[in-house]
Amino acid sequence: MKLLSLNLCKENVKYFFDPSVPKLRTFPLYYAALRFSNHPDSLIRTSVRTITLQIYTECTGEEATRTLLDLPFIQYFGNLALQLKQLWV
């Protein structure tokens, strides 16, 4: 998954996101990565963060941004804040 996200660019985002189908407005790659966001292994959590940064960097379209700021994707940032709090306390 990490390799796919690192190869993500503005030209091939269309293969990962199709805004024309409202029920399927999702990023399968991102959705699959988020399942591992609470994994006990820190390397896997770091990979999820890398995938997140790459997707938010490359997906600049209005439909893509609107989808990423909707459920279930937006919940990740709350979980990330809690993980960082536990790490720093």
C-alpha atoms as a PDB file:
ATOM      1  CA  MET A   1       0.000   0.000   0.000  1.00  0.00           C
ATOM      2  CA  LYS A   2       2.821   2.372   0.826  1.00  0.00           C
ATOM      3  CA  LEU A   3       4.427   1.824  -2.570  1.00  0.00           C
ATOM      4  CA  LEU A   4       1.137   2.580  -4.320  1.00  0.00           C
ATOM      5  CA  SER A   5       0.715   5.796  -2.369  1.00  0.00           C
ATOM      6  CA  LEU A   6       4.251   6.938  -3.132  1.00  0.00           C
ATOM      7  CA  ASN A   7       3.519   6.508  -6.856  1.00  0.00           C
ATOM      8  CA  LEU A   8       0.335   8.554  -6.541  1.00  0.00           C
ATOM      9  CA  CYS A   9       0.324  11.765  -8.547  1.00  0.00           C
ATOM     10  CA  LYS A  10      -2.235  14.179  -9.958  1.00  0.00           C
ATOM     11  CA  GLU A  11      -2.333  12.281 -13.257  1.00  0.00           C
ATOM     12  CA  ASN A  12      -3.180   8.866 -11.796  1.00  0.00           C
ATOM     13  CA  VAL A  13      -5.501   9.898  -8.949  1.00  0.00           C
ATOM     14  CA  LYS A  14      -8.372   9.061 -11.293  1.00  0.00           C
ATOM     15  CA  TYR A  15      -7.498   5.371 -10.874  1.00  0.00           C
ATOM     16  CA  PHE A  16      -7.993   5.615  -7.110  1.00  0.00           C
ATOM     17  CA  PHE A  17     -10.999   7.934  -6.935  1.00  0.00           C
ATOM     18  CA  ASP A  18     -14.070   8.273  -9.150  1.00  0.00           C
ATOM     19  CA  PRO A  19     -16.282  11.242  -8.217  1.00  0.00           C
ATOM     20  CA  SER A  20     -18.900  10.391 -10.835  1.00  0.00           C
ATOM     21  CA  VAL A  21     -20.329   7.552  -8.734  1.00  0.00           C
ATOM     22  CA  PRO A  22     -21.634   9.125  -5.479  1.00  0.00           C
ATOM     23  CA  LYS A  23     -21.958   5.839  -3.571  1.00  0.00           C
ATOM     24  CA  LEU A  24     -18.403   4.872  -4.472  1.00  0.00           C
ATOM     25  CA  ARG A  25     -16.798   8.230  -3.660  1.00  0.00           C
ATOM     26  CA  THR A  26     -14.048   6.732  -1.610  1.00  0.00           C
ATOM     27  CA  PHE A  27     -10.361   5.992  -1.761  1.00  0.00           C
ATOM     28  CA  PRO A  28      -9.945   2.208  -1.463  1.00  0.00           C
ATOM     29  CA  LEU A  29      -6.206   2.595  -0.846  1.00  0.00           C
ATOM     30  CA  TYR A  30      -6.737   5.095   1.964  1.00  0.00           C
ATOM     31  CA  TYR A  31      -9.633   3.144   3.441  1.00  0.00           C
ATOM     32  CA  ALA A  32      -7.503  -0.015   3.555  1.00  0.00           C
ATOM     33  CA  ALA A  33      -4.602   1.871   5.152  1.00  0.00           C
ATOM     34  CA  LEU A  34      -6.803   3.362   7.867  1.00  0.00           C
ATOM     35  CA  ARG A  35      -7.700  -0.116   9.072  1.00  0.00           C
ATOM     36  CA  PHE A  36      -4.111  -0.350  10.338  1.00  0.00           C
ATOM     37  CA  SER A  37      -3.980   3.069  12.020  1.00  0.00           C
ATOM     38  CA  ASN A  38      -4.226   1.527  15.514  1.00  0.00           C
ATOM     39  CA  HIS A  39      -1.845  -1.351  14.862  1.00  0.00           C
ATOM     40  CA  PRO A  40       0.540  -2.146  17.750  1.00  0.00           C
ATOM     41  CA  ASP A  41       3.586  -2.025  15.443  1.00  0.00           C
ATOM     42  CA  SER A  42       4.913   1.531  15.106  1.00  0.00           C
ATOM     43  CA  LEU A  43       6.315   0.879  11.604  1.00  0.00           C
ATOM     44  CA  ILE A  44       2.845   0.049  10.335  1.00  0.00           C
ATOM     45  CA  ARG A  45       1.364   3.165  11.964  1.00  0.00           C
ATOM     46  CA  THR A  46       4.137   5.224  10.350  1.00  0.00           C
ATOM     47  CA  SER A  47       3.268   3.735   6.957  1.00  0.00           C
ATOM     48  CA  VAL A  48      -0.355   4.753   7.462  1.00  0.00           C
ATOM     49  CA  ARG A  49       0.787   8.301   8.231  1.00  0.00           C
ATOM     50  CA  THR A  50       2.953   8.310   5.098  1.00  0.00           C
ATOM     51  CA  ILE A  51       0.018   7.148   2.983  1.00  0.00           C
ATOM     52  CA  THR A  52      -2.176   9.837   4.551  1.00  0.00           C
ATOM     53  CA  LEU A  53       0.319  12.604   3.824  1.00  0.00           C
ATOM     54  CA  GLN A  54       0.825  11.424   0.257  1.00  0.00           C
ATOM     55  CA  ILE A  55      -2.898  11.263  -0.480  1.00  0.00           C
ATOM     56  CA  TYR A  56      -3.597  14.689   1.015  1.00  0.00           C
ATOM     57  CA  THR A  57      -0.643  16.138  -0.897  1.00  0.00           C
ATOM     58  CA  GLU A  58      -1.624  14.767  -4.305  1.00  0.00           C
ATOM     59  CA  CYS A  59      -5.430  14.933  -4.162  1.00  0.00           C
ATOM     60  CA  THR A  60      -6.212  18.589  -4.698  1.00  0.00           C
ATOM     61  CA  GLY A  61      -9.523  18.366  -6.547  1.00  0.00           C
ATOM     62  CA  GLU A  62     -12.671  19.719  -4.924  1.00  0.00           C
ATOM     63  CA  GLU A  63     -14.546  16.391  -4.988  1.00  0.00           C
ATOM     64  CA  ALA A  64     -11.553  14.507  -3.614  1.00  0.00           C
ATOM     65  CA  THR A  65     -11.052  17.025  -0.818  1.00  0.00           C
ATOM     66  CA  ARG A  66     -14.729  16.933   0.094  1.00  0.00           C
ATOM     67  CA  THR A  67     -14.615  13.138   0.266  1.00  0.00           C
ATOM     68  CA  LEU A  68     -11.464  13.095   2.395  1.00  0.00           C
ATOM     69  CA  LEU A  69     -13.047  15.515   4.864  1.00  0.00           C
ATOM     70  CA  ASP A  70     -16.078  13.270   5.297  1.00  0.00           C
ATOM     71  CA  LEU A  71     -16.614  10.175   7.419  1.00  0.00           C
ATOM     72  CA  PRO A  72     -14.901   7.739   7.939  1.00  0.00           C
ATOM     73  CA  PHE A  73     -11.684   9.456   6.844  1.00  0.00           C
ATOM     74  CA  ILE A  74     -11.903  12.488   9.124  1.00  0.00           C
ATOM     75  CA  GLN A  75     -12.042  10.251  12.220  1.00  0.00           C
ATOM     76  CA  TYR A  76      -8.432   9.282  11.599  1.00  0.00           C
ATOM     77  CA  PHE A  77      -7.161  12.683  12.736  1.00  0.00           C
ATOM     78  CA  GLY A  78      -8.893  12.385  16.105  1.00  0.00           C
ATOM     79  CA  ASN A  79      -7.323   8.967  16.585  1.00  0.00           C
ATOM     80  CA  LEU A  80      -3.945  10.329  15.506  1.00  0.00           C
ATOM     81  CA  ALA A  81      -4.171  13.136  18.074  1.00  0.00           C
ATOM     82  CA  LEU A  82      -4.909  10.599  20.825  1.00  0.00           C
ATOM     83  CA  GLN A  83      -1.972   8.420  19.727  1.00  0.00           C
ATOM     84  CA  LEU A  84       0.382  11.401  19.782  1.00  0.00           C
ATOM     85  CA  LYS A  85      -0.895  12.462  23.198  1.00  0.00           C
ATOM     86  CA  GLN A  86      -0.193   8.996  24.598  1.00  0.00           C
ATOM     87  CA  LEU A  87       3.240   9.012  22.998  1.00  0.00           C
ATOM     88  CA  TRP A  88       4.225  12.365  24.488  1.00  0.00           C
ATOM     89  CA  VAL A  89       2.766  11.928  27.982  1.00  0.00           C
END
